[in-house]
């Protein structure tokens, strides 16, 4: 019995999604602007703040590596250490930051 309810709920979810997409497409085709134009400045400020924070975190992770390369007298990572000894720096844009992987 629960399987039947789950199937009906899934179908209803799909129908709601289709109706919503169709209504939004009709509004857009009619020339309406979608979204909330009143908070564009606030949304931009939040986005910039997140980007600045992510850049600061990235720099915090990267700075010790750059300083170690400079202290070794090298001007590049290739000069500073062999390939197998280099730290692996994984940059994941979705998570907004850089992390040293093991």
PDB file of N, CA and C in Angstrom:
ATOM      1  N   UNK A   1       0.821  -1.193   0.000  1.00  0.00           N
ATOM      2  CA  UNK A   1       0.000   0.000   0.000  1.00  0.00           C
ATOM      3  C   UNK A   1       0.871   1.265   0.000  1.00  0.00           C
ATOM      4  N   UNK A   2       1.964   1.258   0.788  1.00  0.00           N
ATOM      5  CA  UNK A   2       2.848   2.416   0.826  1.00  0.00           C
ATOM      6  C   UNK A   2       3.506   2.667  -0.525  1.00  0.00           C
ATOM      7  N   UNK A   3       3.769   1.599  -1.249  1.00  0.00           N
ATOM      8  CA  UNK A   3       4.379   1.737  -2.564  1.00  0.00           C
ATOM      9  C   UNK A   3       3.447   2.519  -3.498  1.00  0.00           C
ATOM     10  N   UNK A   4       2.183   2.259  -3.404  1.00  0.00           N
ATOM     11  CA  UNK A   4       1.195   2.970  -4.224  1.00  0.00           C
ATOM     12  C   UNK A   4       1.164   4.449  -3.857  1.00  0.00           C
ATOM     13  N   UNK A   5       1.173   4.755  -2.572  1.00  0.00           N
ATOM     14  CA  UNK A   5       1.206   6.167  -2.139  1.00  0.00           C
ATOM     15  C   UNK A   5       2.465   6.877  -2.639  1.00  0.00           C
ATOM     16  N   UNK A   6       3.586   6.184  -2.569  1.00  0.00           N
ATOM     17  CA  UNK A   6       4.838   6.774  -3.031  1.00  0.00           C
ATOM     18  C   UNK A   6       4.783   7.057  -4.529  1.00  0.00           C
ATOM     19  N   UNK A   7       4.219   6.136  -5.280  1.00  0.00           N
ATOM     20  CA  UNK A   7       4.104   6.323  -6.725  1.00  0.00           C
ATOM     21  C   UNK A   7       3.184   7.503  -7.044  1.00  0.00           C
ATOM     22  N   UNK A   8       2.075   7.608  -6.328  1.00  0.00           N
ATOM     23  CA  UNK A   8       1.144   8.727  -6.543  1.00  0.00           C
ATOM     24  C   UNK A   8       1.788  10.059  -6.155  1.00  0.00           C
ATOM     25  N   UNK A   9       2.531  10.062  -5.073  1.00  0.00           N
ATOM     26  CA  UNK A   9       3.201  11.288  -4.638  1.00  0.00           C
ATOM     27  C   UNK A   9       4.252  11.719  -5.663  1.00  0.00           C
ATOM     28  N   UNK A  10       4.978  10.765  -6.219  1.00  0.00           N
ATOM     29  CA  UNK A  10       5.978  11.074  -7.242  1.00  0.00           C
ATOM     30  C   UNK A  10       5.309  11.648  -8.487  1.00  0.00           C
ATOM     31  N   UNK A  11       4.195  11.060  -8.880  1.00  0.00           N
ATOM     32  CA  UNK A  11       3.472  11.575 -10.056  1.00  0.00           C
ATOM     33  C   UNK A  11       2.961  12.990  -9.795  1.00  0.00           C
ATOM     34  N   UNK A  12       2.430  13.229  -8.621  1.00  0.00           N
ATOM     35  CA  UNK A  12       1.930  14.570  -8.282  1.00  0.00           C
ATOM     36  C   UNK A  12       3.072  15.591  -8.258  1.00  0.00           C
ATOM     37  N   UNK A  13       4.226  15.197  -7.754  1.00  0.00           N
ATOM     38  CA  UNK A  13       5.382  16.081  -7.751  1.00  0.00           C
ATOM     39  C   UNK A  13       5.761  16.460  -9.172  1.00  0.00           C
ATOM     40  N   UNK A  14       5.768  15.483 -10.066  1.00  0.00           N
ATOM     41  CA  UNK A  14       6.088  15.742 -11.466  1.00  0.00           C
ATOM     42  C   UNK A  14       5.061  16.679 -12.101  1.00  0.00           C
ATOM     43  N   UNK A  15       3.780  16.458 -11.806  1.00  0.00           N
ATOM     44  CA  UNK A  15       2.733  17.319 -12.366  1.00  0.00           C
ATOM     45  C   UNK A  15       2.866  18.757 -11.872  1.00  0.00           C
ATOM     46  N   UNK A  16       3.146  18.922 -10.591  1.00  0.00           N
ATOM     47  CA  UNK A  16       3.333  20.264 -10.026  1.00  0.00           C
ATOM     48  C   UNK A  16       4.519  20.942 -10.690  1.00  0.00           C
ATOM     49  N   UNK A  17       5.605  20.203 -10.851  1.00  0.00           N
ATOM     50  CA  UNK A  17       6.801  20.756 -11.490  1.00  0.00           C
ATOM     51  C   UNK A  17       6.499  21.189 -12.924  1.00  0.00           C
ATOM     52  N   UNK A  18       5.798  20.334 -13.663  1.00  0.00           N
ATOM     53  CA  UNK A  18       5.463  20.671 -15.051  1.00  0.00           C
ATOM     54  C   UNK A  18       4.570  21.898 -15.134  1.00  0.00           C
ATOM     55  N   UNK A  19       3.578  21.993 -14.251  1.00  0.00           N
ATOM     56  CA  UNK A  19       2.672  23.155 -14.249  1.00  0.00           C
ATOM     57  C   UNK A  19       3.430  24.434 -13.914  1.00  0.00           C
ATOM     58  N   UNK A  20       4.337  24.348 -12.946  1.00  0.00           N
ATOM     59  CA  UNK A  20       5.120  25.521 -12.548  1.00  0.00           C
ATOM     60  C   UNK A  20       6.018  25.975 -13.687  1.00  0.00           C
ATOM     61  N   UNK A  21       6.708  25.035 -14.327  1.00  0.00           N
ATOM     62  CA  UNK A  21       7.583  25.388 -15.443  1.00  0.00           C
ATOM     63  C   UNK A  21       6.789  25.997 -16.597  1.00  0.00           C
ATOM     64  N   UNK A  22       5.612  25.435 -16.888  1.00  0.00           N
ATOM     65  CA  UNK A  22       4.783  25.957 -17.977  1.00  0.00           C
ATOM     66  C   UNK A  22       4.300  27.372 -17.659  1.00  0.00           C
ATOM     67  N   UNK A  23       3.904  27.606 -16.413  1.00  0.00           N
ATOM     68  CA  UNK A  23       3.430  28.936 -16.022  1.00  0.00           C
ATOM     69  C   UNK A  23       4.556  29.960 -16.093  1.00  0.00           C
ATOM     70  N   UNK A  24       5.742  29.606 -15.642  1.00  0.00           N
ATOM     71  CA  UNK A  24       6.877  30.521 -15.708  1.00  0.00           C
ATOM     72  C   UNK A  24       7.268  30.811 -17.153  1.00  0.00           C
ATOM     73  N   UNK A  25       7.236  29.780 -18.008  1.00  0.00           N
ATOM     74  CA  UNK A  25       7.566  29.978 -19.420  1.00  0.00           C
ATOM     75  C   UNK A  25       6.538  30.892 -20.085  1.00  0.00           C
ATOM     76  N   UNK A  26       5.268  30.738 -19.739  1.00  0.00           N
ATOM     77  CA  UNK A  26       4.218  31.589 -20.312  1.00  0.00           C
ATOM     78  C   UNK A  26       4.395  33.040 -19.872  1.00  0.00           C
ATOM     79  N   UNK A  27       4.724  33.242 -18.597  1.00  0.00           N
ATOM     80  CA  UNK A  27       4.953  34.608 -18.094  1.00  0.00           C
ATOM     81  C   UNK A  27       6.141  35.238 -18.812  1.00  0.00           C
ATOM     82  N   UNK A  28       7.226  34.461 -18.948  1.00  0.00           N
ATOM     83  CA  UNK A  28       8.423  34.980 -19.595  1.00  0.00           C
ATOM     84  C   UNK A  28       8.145  35.295 -21.071  1.00  0.00           C
ATOM     85  N   UNK A  29       7.394  34.425 -21.737  1.00  0.00           N
ATOM     86  CA  UNK A  29       7.045  34.665 -23.136  1.00  0.00           C
ATOM     87  C   UNK A  29       6.177  35.906 -23.278  1.00  0.00           C
ATOM     88  N   UNK A  30       5.412  36.211 -22.253  1.00  0.00           N
ATOM     89  CA  UNK A  30       4.562  37.400 -22.257  1.00  0.00           C
ATOM     90  C   UNK A  30       5.320  38.672 -21.932  1.00  0.00           C
ATOM     91  N   UNK A  31       6.613  38.565 -21.699  1.00  0.00           N
ATOM     92  CA  UNK A  31       7.435  39.742 -21.454  1.00  0.00           C
ATOM     93  C   UNK A  31       7.642  40.091 -19.993  1.00  0.00           C
ATOM     94  N   UNK A  32       7.158  39.278 -19.099  1.00  0.00           N
ATOM     95  CA  UNK A  32       7.319  39.571 -17.671  1.00  0.00           C
ATOM     96  C   UNK A  32       8.752  39.276 -17.237  1.00  0.00           C
ATOM     97  N   UNK A  33       9.260  40.097 -16.327  1.00  0.00           N
ATOM     98  CA  UNK A  33      10.573  39.845 -15.745  1.00  0.00           C
ATOM     99  C   UNK A  33      10.378  38.946 -14.530  1.00  0.00           C
ATOM    100  N   UNK A  34      11.089  37.833 -14.526  1.00  0.00           N
ATOM    101  CA  UNK A  34      10.975  36.903 -13.403  1.00  0.00           C
ATOM    102  C   UNK A  34      12.008  37.255 -12.349  1.00  0.00           C
ATOM    103  N   UNK A  35      11.723  36.918 -11.119  1.00  0.00           N
ATOM    104  CA  UNK A  35      12.628  37.203 -10.024  1.00  0.00           C
ATOM    105  C   UNK A  35      12.180  38.430  -9.254  1.00  0.00           C
ATOM    106  N   UNK A  36      12.968  38.803  -8.277  1.00  0.00           N
ATOM    107  CA  UNK A  36      12.643  39.941  -7.432  1.00  0.00           C
ATOM    108  C   UNK A  36      13.617  41.070  -7.746  1.00  0.00           C
ATOM    109  N   UNK A  37      13.196  42.050  -8.543  1.00  0.00           N
ATOM    110  CA  UNK A  37      14.110  43.119  -8.933  1.00  0.00           C
ATOM    111  C   UNK A  37      14.414  44.100  -7.800  1.00  0.00           C
ATOM    112  N   UNK A  38      13.705  44.002  -6.702  1.00  0.00           N
ATOM    113  CA  UNK A  38      13.909  44.957  -5.609  1.00  0.00           C
ATOM    114  C   UNK A  38      15.130  44.652  -4.757  1.00  0.00           C
ATOM    115  N   UNK A  39      15.620  43.435  -4.796  1.00  0.00           N
ATOM    116  CA  UNK A  39      16.752  43.109  -3.922  1.00  0.00           C
ATOM    117  C   UNK A  39      18.025  42.784  -4.701  1.00  0.00           C
ATOM    118  N   UNK A  40      18.152  43.308  -5.905  1.00  0.00           N
ATOM    119  CA  UNK A  40      19.329  43.014  -6.715  1.00  0.00           C
ATOM    120  C   UNK A  40      20.605  43.508  -6.036  1.00  0.00           C
ATOM    121  N   UNK A  41      20.571  44.705  -5.490  1.00  0.00           N
ATOM    122  CA  UNK A  41      21.761  45.250  -4.825  1.00  0.00           C
ATOM    123  C   UNK A  41      22.140  44.406  -3.607  1.00  0.00           C
ATOM    124  N   UNK A  42      21.146  43.996  -2.837  1.00  0.00           N
ATOM    125  CA  UNK A  42      21.421  43.179  -1.653  1.00  0.00           C
ATOM    126  C   UNK A  42      21.992  41.816  -2.049  1.00  0.00           C
ATOM    127  N   UNK A  43      21.413  41.215  -3.098  1.00  0.00           N
ATOM    128  CA  UNK A  43      21.902  39.919  -3.559  1.00  0.00           C
ATOM    129  C   UNK A  43      23.332  40.047  -4.085  1.00  0.00           C
ATOM    130  N   UNK A  44      23.625  41.141  -4.795  1.00  0.00           N
ATOM    131  CA  UNK A  44      24.977  41.371  -5.293  1.00  0.00           C
ATOM    132  C   UNK A  44      25.975  41.531  -4.161  1.00  0.00           C
ATOM    133  N   UNK A  45      25.569  42.235  -3.111  1.00  0.00           N
ATOM    134  CA  UNK A  45      26.440  42.432  -1.954  1.00  0.00           C
ATOM    135  C   UNK A  45      26.749  41.102  -1.272  1.00  0.00           C
ATOM    136  N   UNK A  46      25.735  40.274  -1.126  1.00  0.00           N
ATOM    137  CA  UNK A  46      25.934  38.953  -0.513  1.00  0.00           C
ATOM    138  C   UNK A  46      26.878  38.119  -1.379  1.00  0.00           C
ATOM    139  N   UNK A  47      26.669  38.149  -2.696  1.00  0.00           N
ATOM    140  CA  UNK A  47      27.523  37.384  -3.601  1.00  0.00           C
ATOM    141  C   UNK A  47      28.969  37.843  -3.546  1.00  0.00           C
ATOM    142  N   UNK A  48      29.172  39.160  -3.519  1.00  0.00           N
ATOM    143  CA  UNK A  48      30.541  39.674  -3.435  1.00  0.00           C
ATOM    144  C   UNK A  48      31.198  39.289  -2.112  1.00  0.00           C
ATOM    145  N   UNK A  49      30.436  39.345  -1.038  1.00  0.00           N
ATOM    146  CA  UNK A  49      30.966  38.974   0.279  1.00  0.00           C
ATOM    147  C   UNK A  49      31.407  37.509   0.282  1.00  0.00           C
ATOM    148  N   UNK A  50      30.603  36.638  -0.316  1.00  0.00           N
ATOM    149  CA  UNK A  50      30.947  35.212  -0.382  1.00  0.00           C
ATOM    150  C   UNK A  50      32.207  35.021  -1.218  1.00  0.00           C
ATOM    151  N   UNK A  51      32.314  35.732  -2.336  1.00  0.00           N
ATOM    152  CA  UNK A  51      33.502  35.599  -3.183  1.00  0.00           C
ATOM    153  C   UNK A  51      34.762  36.097  -2.479  1.00  0.00           C
ATOM    154  N   UNK A  52      34.653  37.199  -1.771  1.00  0.00           N
ATOM    155  CA  UNK A  52      35.802  37.745  -1.046  1.00  0.00           C
ATOM    156  C   UNK A  52      36.245  36.776   0.049  1.00  0.00           C
ATOM    157  N   UNK A  53      35.294  36.211   0.761  1.00  0.00           N
ATOM    158  CA  UNK A  53      35.612  35.251   1.818  1.00  0.00           C
ATOM    159  C   UNK A  53      36.301  34.015   1.235  1.00  0.00           C
ATOM    160  N   UNK A  54      35.784  33.515   0.113  1.00  0.00           N
ATOM    161  CA  UNK A  54      36.383  32.344  -0.529  1.00  0.00           C
ATOM    162  C   UNK A  54      37.795  32.657  -1.006  1.00  0.00           C
ATOM    163  N   UNK A  55      38.005  33.853  -1.551  1.00  0.00           N
ATOM    164  CA  UNK A  55      39.345  34.240  -2.013  1.00  0.00           C
ATOM    165  C   UNK A  55      40.310  34.344  -0.835  1.00  0.00           C
ATOM    166  N   UNK A  56      39.839  34.884   0.270  1.00  0.00           N
ATOM    167  CA  UNK A  56      40.689  34.988   1.462  1.00  0.00           C
ATOM    168  C   UNK A  56      41.076  33.608   1.986  1.00  0.00           C
ATOM    169  N   UNK A  57      40.125  32.681   2.001  1.00  0.00           N
ATOM    170  CA  UNK A  57      40.414  31.312   2.452  1.00  0.00           C
ATOM    171  C   UNK A  57      41.412  30.645   1.515  1.00  0.00           C
ATOM    172  N   UNK A  58      41.249  30.860   0.214  1.00  0.00           N
ATOM    173  CA  UNK A  58      42.162  30.289  -0.771  1.00  0.00           C
ATOM    174  C   UNK A  58      43.572  30.830  -0.543  1.00  0.00           C
ATOM    175  N   UNK A  59      43.682  32.146  -0.345  1.00  0.00           N
ATOM    176  CA  UNK A  59      44.986  32.764  -0.122  1.00  0.00           C
ATOM    177  C   UNK A  59      45.627  32.251   1.164  1.00  0.00           C
ATOM    178  N   UNK A  60      44.829  32.021   2.187  1.00  0.00           N
ATOM    179  CA  UNK A  60      45.346  31.513   3.456  1.00  0.00           C
ATOM    180  C   UNK A  60      45.954  30.126   3.280  1.00  0.00           C
ATOM    181  N   UNK A  61      45.324  29.294   2.451  1.00  0.00           N
ATOM    182  CA  UNK A  61      45.837  27.950   2.201  1.00  0.00           C
ATOM    183  C   UNK A  61      47.081  28.011   1.313  1.00  0.00           C
ATOM    184  N   UNK A  62      47.070  28.899   0.339  1.00  0.00           N
ATOM    185  CA  UNK A  62      48.139  28.941  -0.642  1.00  0.00           C
ATOM    186  C   UNK A  62      49.397  29.677  -0.168  1.00  0.00           C
ATOM    187  N   UNK A  63      49.250  30.650   0.703  1.00  0.00           N
ATOM    188  CA  UNK A  63      50.374  31.481   1.129  1.00  0.00           C
ATOM    189  C   UNK A  63      51.540  30.685   1.730  1.00  0.00           C
ATOM    190  N   UNK A  64      51.310  29.715   2.617  1.00  0.00           N
ATOM    191  CA  UNK A  64      52.454  28.946   3.148  1.00  0.00           C
ATOM    192  C   UNK A  64      53.218  28.192   2.054  1.00  0.00           C
ATOM    193  N   UNK A  65      52.516  27.738   1.043  1.00  0.00           N
ATOM    194  CA  UNK A  65      53.170  27.024  -0.058  1.00  0.00           C
ATOM    195  C   UNK A  65      54.050  27.988  -0.847  1.00  0.00           C
ATOM    196  N   UNK A  66      53.517  29.152  -1.153  1.00  0.00           N
ATOM    197  CA  UNK A  66      54.282  30.162  -1.893  1.00  0.00           C
ATOM    198  C   UNK A  66      55.500  30.602  -1.080  1.00  0.00           C
ATOM    199  N   UNK A  67      55.324  30.809   0.201  1.00  0.00           N
ATOM    200  CA  UNK A  67      56.454  31.217   1.053  1.00  0.00           C
ATOM    201  C   UNK A  67      57.539  30.143   1.105  1.00  0.00           C
ATOM    202  N   UNK A  68      57.137  28.877   1.130  1.00  0.00           N
ATOM    203  CA  UNK A  68      58.111  27.785   1.144  1.00  0.00           C
ATOM    204  C   UNK A  68      58.888  27.741  -0.165  1.00  0.00           C
ATOM    205  N   UNK A  69      58.213  27.982  -1.261  1.00  0.00           N
ATOM    206  CA  UNK A  69      58.888  27.998  -2.564  1.00  0.00           C
ATOM    207  C   UNK A  69      59.891  29.151  -2.615  1.00  0.00           C
ATOM    208  N   UNK A  70      59.470  30.309  -2.163  1.00  0.00           N
ATOM    209  CA  UNK A  70      60.365  31.470  -2.158  1.00  0.00           C
ATOM    210  C   UNK A  70      61.563  31.242  -1.236  1.00  0.00           C
ATOM    211  N   UNK A  71      61.329  30.644  -0.074  1.00  0.00           N
ATOM    212  CA  UNK A  71      62.417  30.396   0.884  1.00  0.00           C
ATOM    213  C   UNK A  71      63.438  29.409   0.315  1.00  0.00           C
ATOM    214  N   UNK A  72      62.961  28.521  -0.543  1.00  0.00           N
ATOM    215  CA  UNK A  72      63.865  27.545  -1.155  1.00  0.00           C
ATOM    216  C   UNK A  72      64.670  28.171  -2.293  1.00  0.00           C
ATOM    217  N   UNK A  73      64.374  29.422  -2.619  1.00  0.00           N
ATOM    218  CA  UNK A  73      65.109  30.108  -3.672  1.00  0.00           C
ATOM    219  C   UNK A  73      64.593  29.820  -5.059  1.00  0.00           C
ATOM    220  N   UNK A  74      63.459  29.185  -5.146  1.00  0.00           N
ATOM    221  CA  UNK A  74      62.895  28.845  -6.454  1.00  0.00           C
ATOM    222  C   UNK A  74      61.834  29.873  -6.837  1.00  0.00           C
ATOM    223  N   UNK A  75      61.623  29.974  -8.132  1.00  0.00           N
ATOM    224  CA  UNK A  75      60.596  30.904  -8.588  1.00  0.00           C
ATOM    225  C   UNK A  75      59.358  30.174  -9.094  1.00  0.00           C
ATOM    226  N   UNK A  76      59.403  28.843  -9.044  1.00  0.00           N
ATOM    227  CA  UNK A  76      58.240  28.065  -9.466  1.00  0.00           C
ATOM    228  C   UNK A  76      58.164  26.791  -8.641  1.00  0.00           C
ATOM    229  N   UNK A  77      57.025  26.158  -8.679  1.00  0.00           N
ATOM    230  CA  UNK A  77      56.829  24.906  -7.951  1.00  0.00           C
ATOM    231  C   UNK A  77      57.697  23.803  -8.546  1.00  0.00           C
ATOM    232  N   UNK A  78      57.879  23.812  -9.863  1.00  0.00           N
ATOM    233  CA  UNK A  78      58.712  22.801 -10.515  1.00  0.00           C
ATOM    234  C   UNK A  78      60.157  22.885 -10.034  1.00  0.00           C
ATOM    235  N   UNK A  79      60.646  24.097  -9.826  1.00  0.00           N
ATOM    236  CA  UNK A  79      62.015  24.263  -9.346  1.00  0.00           C
ATOM    237  C   UNK A  79      62.140  23.894  -7.872  1.00  0.00           C
ATOM    238  N   UNK A  80      61.106  24.098  -7.115  1.00  0.00           N
ATOM    239  CA  UNK A  80      61.167  23.939  -5.662  1.00  0.00           C
ATOM    240  C   UNK A  80      61.196  22.494  -5.216  1.00  0.00           C
ATOM    241  N   UNK A  81      60.450  21.623  -5.876  1.00  0.00           N
ATOM    242  CA  UNK A  81      60.382  20.238  -5.411  1.00  0.00           C
ATOM    243  C   UNK A  81      60.005  19.316  -6.548  1.00  0.00           C
ATOM    244  N   UNK A  82      60.416  18.054  -6.446  1.00  0.00           N
ATOM    245  CA  UNK A  82      60.064  17.101  -7.499  1.00  0.00           C
ATOM    246  C   UNK A  82      58.559  16.859  -7.536  1.00  0.00           C
ATOM    247  N   UNK A  83      58.107  16.344  -8.651  1.00  0.00           N
ATOM    248  CA  UNK A  83      56.673  16.140  -8.871  1.00  0.00           C
ATOM    249  C   UNK A  83      56.025  15.304  -7.773  1.00  0.00           C
ATOM    250  N   UNK A  84      56.665  14.215  -7.361  1.00  0.00           N
ATOM    251  CA  UNK A  84      56.049  13.329  -6.371  1.00  0.00           C
ATOM    252  C   UNK A  84      55.940  13.975  -4.989  1.00  0.00           C
ATOM    253  N   UNK A  85      56.725  15.007  -4.716  1.00  0.00           N
ATOM    254  CA  UNK A  85      56.708  15.637  -3.395  1.00  0.00           C
ATOM    255  C   UNK A  85      55.831  16.884  -3.333  1.00  0.00           C
ATOM    256  N   UNK A  86      55.290  17.286  -4.464  1.00  0.00           N
ATOM    257  CA  UNK A  86      54.466  18.496  -4.469  1.00  0.00           C
ATOM    258  C   UNK A  86      53.157  18.266  -3.744  1.00  0.00           C
ATOM    259  N   UNK A  87      52.719  19.257  -2.975  1.00  0.00           N
ATOM    260  CA  UNK A  87      51.395  19.129  -2.364  1.00  0.00           C
ATOM    261  C   UNK A  87      50.333  19.211  -3.444  1.00  0.00           C
ATOM    262  N   UNK A  88      49.312  18.422  -3.272  1.00  0.00           N
ATOM    263  CA  UNK A  88      48.226  18.449  -4.245  1.00  0.00           C
ATOM    264  C   UNK A  88      47.190  19.462  -3.768  1.00  0.00           C
ATOM    265  N   UNK A  89      47.018  20.491  -4.529  1.00  0.00           N
ATOM    266  CA  UNK A  89      46.062  21.538  -4.189  1.00  0.00           C
ATOM    267  C   UNK A  89      44.831  21.328  -5.042  1.00  0.00           C
ATOM    268  N   UNK A  90      43.746  20.979  -4.397  1.00  0.00           N
ATOM    269  CA  UNK A  90      42.500  20.717  -5.102  1.00  0.00           C
ATOM    270  C   UNK A  90      41.621  21.952  -4.984  1.00  0.00           C
ATOM    271  N   UNK A  91      41.236  22.498  -6.109  1.00  0.00           N
ATOM    272  CA  UNK A  91      40.383  23.674  -6.110  1.00  0.00           C
ATOM    273  C   UNK A  91      39.000  23.239  -6.556  1.00  0.00           C
ATOM    274  N   UNK A  92      38.037  23.415  -5.690  1.00  0.00           N
ATOM    275  CA  UNK A  92      36.671  23.023  -5.977  1.00  0.00           C
ATOM    276  C   UNK A  92      35.810  24.272  -5.979  1.00  0.00           C
ATOM    277  N   UNK A  93      35.423  24.730  -7.158  1.00  0.00           N
ATOM    278  CA  UNK A  93      34.657  25.974  -7.279  1.00  0.00           C
ATOM    279  C   UNK A  93      33.294  25.858  -6.605  1.00  0.00           C
ATOM    280  N   UNK A  94      32.722  24.673  -6.595  1.00  0.00           N
ATOM    281  CA  UNK A  94      31.403  24.520  -5.988  1.00  0.00           C
ATOM    282  C   UNK A  94      31.456  24.750  -4.481  1.00  0.00           C
ATOM    283  N   UNK A  95      32.555  24.372  -3.866  1.00  0.00           N
ATOM    284  CA  UNK A  95      32.682  24.544  -2.426  1.00  0.00           C
ATOM    285  C   UNK A  95      33.412  25.826  -2.070  1.00  0.00           C
ATOM    286  N   UNK A  96      33.783  26.587  -3.081  1.00  0.00           N
ATOM    287  CA  UNK A  96      34.387  27.904  -2.903  1.00  0.00           C
ATOM    288  C   UNK A  96      35.651  27.847  -2.051  1.00  0.00           C
ATOM    289  N   UNK A  97      36.654  27.212  -2.562  1.00  0.00           N
ATOM    290  CA  UNK A  97      37.895  27.233  -1.805  1.00  0.00           C
ATOM    291  C   UNK A  97      38.904  26.225  -2.292  1.00  0.00           C
ATOM    292  N   UNK A  98      40.041  26.257  -1.697  1.00  0.00           N
ATOM    293  CA  UNK A  98      41.106  25.327  -2.023  1.00  0.00           C
ATOM    294  C   UNK A  98      41.441  24.515  -0.795  1.00  0.00           C
ATOM    295  N   UNK A  99      41.764  23.287  -1.014  1.00  0.00           N
ATOM    296  CA  UNK A  99      42.110  22.425   0.105  1.00  0.00           C
ATOM    297  C   UNK A  99      43.316  21.587  -0.300  1.00  0.00           C
ATOM    298  N   UNK A 100      44.191  21.318   0.627  1.00  0.00           N
ATOM    299  CA  UNK A 100      45.298  20.405   0.366  1.00  0.00           C
ATOM    300  C   UNK A 100      44.771  19.001   0.520  1.00  0.00           C
ATOM    301  N   UNK A 101      44.925  18.197  -0.525  1.00  0.00           N
ATOM    302  CA  UNK A 101      44.453  16.827  -0.436  1.00  0.00           C
ATOM    303  C   UNK A 101      45.598  15.910  -0.029  1.00  0.00           C
ATOM    304  N   UNK A 102      45.268  14.804   0.574  1.00  0.00           N
ATOM    305  CA  UNK A 102      46.283  13.854   1.047  1.00  0.00           C
ATOM    306  C   UNK A 102      46.699  12.915  -0.038  1.00  0.00           C
TER     307      UNK A 102
END
